[in-house]
Amino acid sequence: MRQLRITPLNIAAALLVTWLLWQVIADKIGVGTIGWFLLLLLVLVAADQFFRLLLRKLKRIWMAEGVFLVLVVVLVWVIRVW
């Protein structure tokens, strides 16, 4: 059995899915918003697989994915403020 490796993108994807389900159950978001969050989830999973193939050591993956998450958060914040 392969060893399960937890990475920042896995954690972010799990938190995103949990938040999305919570919002759907509470009936606070529409169908269009769900599509955007599913697209974001797909990007997170694809980026995680890319980093896993690119970097083999766990510490390097954590650093690269952490920087990637910070850049994405800053980019989204800049777009929303602008």
N, C-alpha and C. Protein backbone atom coordinates (compact mmCIF):
# COMPACT_ATOMS: atom_id res chain seq x y z
N MET A 1 0.84 -1.17 0.00
CA MET A 1 0.00 0.00 0.00
C MET A 1 0.89 1.24 0.00
N ARG A 2 0.51 2.22 -0.81
CA ARG A 2 1.29 3.44 -0.88
C ARG A 2 1.04 4.30 0.34
N GLN A 3 2.06 5.04 0.70
CA GLN A 3 1.97 5.92 1.87
C GLN A 3 1.17 7.17 1.51
N LEU A 4 0.20 7.53 2.34
CA LEU A 4 -0.60 8.72 2.14
C LEU A 4 0.19 9.93 2.60
N ARG A 5 0.35 10.90 1.70
CA ARG A 5 1.10 12.10 2.03
C ARG A 5 0.15 13.29 2.04
N ILE A 6 0.07 13.94 3.16
CA ILE A 6 -0.76 15.12 3.32
C ILE A 6 0.05 16.35 2.91
N THR A 7 -0.54 17.18 2.06
CA THR A 7 0.13 18.38 1.58
C THR A 7 -0.81 19.58 1.77
N PRO A 8 -0.27 20.79 1.69
CA PRO A 8 -1.12 21.98 1.85
C PRO A 8 -2.28 22.05 0.85
N LEU A 9 -2.06 21.59 -0.39
CA LEU A 9 -3.14 21.61 -1.36
C LEU A 9 -4.22 20.59 -1.03
N ASN A 10 -3.84 19.45 -0.43
CA ASN A 10 -4.84 18.48 0.03
C ASN A 10 -5.69 19.09 1.13
N ILE A 11 -5.05 19.78 2.05
CA ILE A 11 -5.76 20.41 3.16
C ILE A 11 -6.69 21.50 2.62
N ALA A 12 -6.20 22.31 1.69
CA ALA A 12 -7.02 23.38 1.11
C ALA A 12 -8.22 22.79 0.36
N ALA A 13 -8.00 21.70 -0.37
CA ALA A 13 -9.10 21.07 -1.11
C ALA A 13 -10.14 20.50 -0.14
N ALA A 14 -9.68 19.89 0.93
CA ALA A 14 -10.62 19.33 1.92
C ALA A 14 -11.42 20.44 2.59
N LEU A 15 -10.77 21.53 2.93
CA LEU A 15 -11.48 22.67 3.54
C LEU A 15 -12.47 23.28 2.55
N LEU A 16 -12.10 23.36 1.29
CA LEU A 16 -13.00 23.91 0.27
C LEU A 16 -14.24 23.04 0.11
N VAL A 17 -14.05 21.73 0.04
CA VAL A 17 -15.19 20.82 -0.09
C VAL A 17 -16.08 20.90 1.14
N THR A 18 -15.49 20.95 2.32
CA THR A 18 -16.27 21.06 3.55
C THR A 18 -17.08 22.36 3.57
N TRP A 19 -16.46 23.47 3.23
CA TRP A 19 -17.16 24.74 3.20
C TRP A 19 -18.28 24.73 2.16
N LEU A 20 -17.99 24.17 0.98
CA LEU A 20 -18.99 24.12 -0.08
C LEU A 20 -20.20 23.30 0.35
N LEU A 21 -19.98 22.15 0.94
CA LEU A 21 -21.10 21.32 1.41
C LEU A 21 -21.89 22.03 2.50
N TRP A 22 -21.19 22.72 3.39
CA TRP A 22 -21.87 23.46 4.45
C TRP A 22 -22.77 24.54 3.86
N GLN A 23 -22.27 25.25 2.84
CA GLN A 23 -23.05 26.30 2.21
C GLN A 23 -24.25 25.74 1.44
N VAL A 24 -24.06 24.59 0.80
CA VAL A 24 -25.17 23.96 0.07
C VAL A 24 -26.24 23.49 1.03
N ILE A 25 -25.84 22.89 2.13
CA ILE A 25 -26.81 22.42 3.12
C ILE A 25 -27.55 23.60 3.73
N ALA A 26 -26.85 24.69 4.00
CA ALA A 26 -27.48 25.87 4.59
C ALA A 26 -28.24 26.68 3.54
N ASP A 27 -28.14 26.28 2.26
CA ASP A 27 -28.85 26.93 1.16
C ASP A 27 -28.48 28.42 1.04
N LYS A 28 -27.18 28.69 1.13
CA LYS A 28 -26.69 30.07 1.07
C LYS A 28 -26.07 30.44 -0.27
N ILE A 29 -25.78 29.46 -1.13
CA ILE A 29 -25.15 29.77 -2.42
C ILE A 29 -25.95 29.15 -3.54
N GLY A 30 -25.79 29.73 -4.73
CA GLY A 30 -26.51 29.25 -5.89
C GLY A 30 -25.72 28.23 -6.69
N VAL A 31 -26.36 27.72 -7.73
CA VAL A 31 -25.75 26.69 -8.57
C VAL A 31 -24.54 27.23 -9.32
N GLY A 32 -24.59 28.47 -9.77
CA GLY A 32 -23.45 29.05 -10.49
C GLY A 32 -22.20 29.14 -9.64
N THR A 33 -22.38 29.47 -8.39
CA THR A 33 -21.25 29.55 -7.47
C THR A 33 -20.65 28.17 -7.22
N ILE A 34 -21.48 27.16 -7.18
CA ILE A 34 -20.99 25.79 -6.97
C ILE A 34 -20.06 25.39 -8.11
N GLY A 35 -20.41 25.77 -9.33
CA GLY A 35 -19.57 25.46 -10.48
C GLY A 35 -18.18 26.08 -10.38
N TRP A 36 -18.12 27.34 -9.92
CA TRP A 36 -16.81 27.99 -9.76
C TRP A 36 -15.97 27.30 -8.69
N PHE A 37 -16.61 26.88 -7.61
CA PHE A 37 -15.85 26.21 -6.56
C PHE A 37 -15.40 24.82 -6.99
N LEU A 38 -16.20 24.14 -7.79
CA LEU A 38 -15.76 22.85 -8.32
C LEU A 38 -14.60 23.02 -9.29
N LEU A 39 -14.60 24.11 -10.06
CA LEU A 39 -13.46 24.41 -10.93
C LEU A 39 -12.21 24.69 -10.11
N LEU A 40 -12.36 25.45 -9.03
CA LEU A 40 -11.22 25.70 -8.14
C LEU A 40 -10.71 24.41 -7.52
N LEU A 41 -11.62 23.52 -7.14
CA LEU A 41 -11.21 22.22 -6.58
C LEU A 41 -10.43 21.42 -7.61
N LEU A 42 -10.87 21.44 -8.86
CA LEU A 42 -10.16 20.73 -9.93
C LEU A 42 -8.75 21.30 -10.11
N VAL A 43 -8.62 22.62 -10.06
CA VAL A 43 -7.31 23.26 -10.18
C VAL A 43 -6.41 22.86 -9.01
N LEU A 44 -6.96 22.82 -7.79
CA LEU A 44 -6.16 22.43 -6.63
C LEU A 44 -5.66 20.99 -6.76
N VAL A 45 -6.52 20.09 -7.20
CA VAL A 45 -6.12 18.68 -7.35
C VAL A 45 -5.07 18.54 -8.46
N ALA A 46 -5.26 19.24 -9.57
CA ALA A 46 -4.29 19.17 -10.67
C ALA A 46 -2.94 19.76 -10.24
N ALA A 47 -2.97 20.88 -9.51
CA ALA A 47 -1.72 21.48 -9.04
C ALA A 47 -1.01 20.56 -8.05
N ASP A 48 -1.78 19.89 -7.20
CA ASP A 48 -1.19 18.95 -6.25
C ASP A 48 -0.47 17.82 -6.99
N GLN A 49 -1.11 17.27 -8.01
CA GLN A 49 -0.48 16.19 -8.78
C GLN A 49 0.75 16.70 -9.52
N PHE A 50 0.69 17.92 -10.03
CA PHE A 50 1.85 18.50 -10.71
C PHE A 50 3.03 18.64 -9.76
N PHE A 51 2.78 19.17 -8.57
CA PHE A 51 3.86 19.34 -7.59
C PHE A 51 4.40 17.99 -7.12
N ARG A 52 3.53 17.00 -6.99
CA ARG A 52 4.00 15.67 -6.59
C ARG A 52 4.92 15.05 -7.63
N LEU A 53 4.62 15.27 -8.90
CA LEU A 53 5.48 14.74 -9.95
C LEU A 53 6.77 15.55 -10.08
N LEU A 54 6.66 16.84 -9.86
CA LEU A 54 7.83 17.72 -10.02
C LEU A 54 8.81 17.58 -8.86
N LEU A 55 8.30 17.53 -7.65
CA LEU A 55 9.14 17.46 -6.45
C LEU A 55 8.85 16.18 -5.70
N ARG A 56 9.85 15.39 -5.49
CA ARG A 56 9.66 14.08 -4.85
C ARG A 56 9.75 14.12 -3.33
N LYS A 57 10.51 15.06 -2.76
CA LYS A 57 10.70 15.08 -1.31
C LYS A 57 9.58 15.86 -0.63
N LEU A 58 9.11 15.38 0.50
CA LEU A 58 7.94 15.95 1.16
C LEU A 58 8.17 17.40 1.60
N LYS A 59 9.34 17.73 2.14
CA LYS A 59 9.59 19.09 2.60
C LYS A 59 9.56 20.08 1.44
N ARG A 60 10.09 19.69 0.32
CA ARG A 60 10.07 20.57 -0.84
C ARG A 60 8.65 20.76 -1.35
N ILE A 61 7.85 19.72 -1.29
CA ILE A 61 6.45 19.83 -1.72
C ILE A 61 5.71 20.80 -0.81
N TRP A 62 5.93 20.69 0.50
CA TRP A 62 5.25 21.58 1.45
C TRP A 62 5.61 23.03 1.17
N MET A 63 6.89 23.30 0.92
CA MET A 63 7.31 24.68 0.66
C MET A 63 6.72 25.19 -0.65
N ALA A 64 6.81 24.41 -1.70
CA ALA A 64 6.32 24.84 -3.01
C ALA A 64 4.80 25.03 -2.99
N GLU A 65 4.08 24.09 -2.40
CA GLU A 65 2.63 24.21 -2.36
C GLU A 65 2.19 25.33 -1.43
N GLY A 66 2.92 25.56 -0.36
CA GLY A 66 2.60 26.66 0.54
C GLY A 66 2.76 28.00 -0.15
N VAL A 67 3.85 28.17 -0.90
CA VAL A 67 4.07 29.40 -1.65
C VAL A 67 3.00 29.55 -2.73
N PHE A 68 2.64 28.46 -3.40
CA PHE A 68 1.60 28.50 -4.42
C PHE A 68 0.27 28.95 -3.81
N LEU A 69 -0.10 28.41 -2.65
CA LEU A 69 -1.35 28.80 -2.00
C LEU A 69 -1.34 30.27 -1.61
N VAL A 70 -0.24 30.74 -1.07
CA VAL A 70 -0.14 32.15 -0.68
C VAL A 70 -0.28 33.04 -1.90
N LEU A 71 0.38 32.70 -3.00
CA LEU A 71 0.27 33.50 -4.22
C LEU A 71 -1.16 33.52 -4.77
N VAL A 72 -1.84 32.37 -4.72
CA VAL A 72 -3.22 32.31 -5.20
C VAL A 72 -4.13 33.16 -4.32
N VAL A 73 -3.95 33.09 -3.01
CA VAL A 73 -4.77 33.89 -2.09
C VAL A 73 -4.53 35.38 -2.33
N VAL A 74 -3.29 35.79 -2.49
CA VAL A 74 -2.97 37.20 -2.75
C VAL A 74 -3.56 37.63 -4.09
N LEU A 75 -3.45 36.79 -5.11
CA LEU A 75 -3.99 37.12 -6.42
C LEU A 75 -5.52 37.29 -6.36
N VAL A 76 -6.20 36.38 -5.69
CA VAL A 76 -7.65 36.49 -5.55
C VAL A 76 -8.02 37.75 -4.76
N TRP A 77 -7.27 38.06 -3.73
CA TRP A 77 -7.53 39.26 -2.94
C TRP A 77 -7.35 40.52 -3.79
N VAL A 78 -6.28 40.57 -4.58
CA VAL A 78 -6.02 41.73 -5.44
C VAL A 78 -7.14 41.88 -6.48
N ILE A 79 -7.59 40.79 -7.06
CA ILE A 79 -8.66 40.85 -8.05
C ILE A 79 -9.95 41.33 -7.42
N ARG A 80 -10.28 40.87 -6.24
CA ARG A 80 -11.51 41.30 -5.57
C ARG A 80 -11.46 42.76 -5.14
N VAL A 81 -10.30 43.25 -4.73
CA VAL A 81 -10.17 44.64 -4.28
C VAL A 81 -10.16 45.57 -5.50
N TRP A 82 -9.55 45.16 -6.57
CA TRP A 82 -9.42 45.97 -7.75
C TRP A 82 -10.73 46.07 -8.42
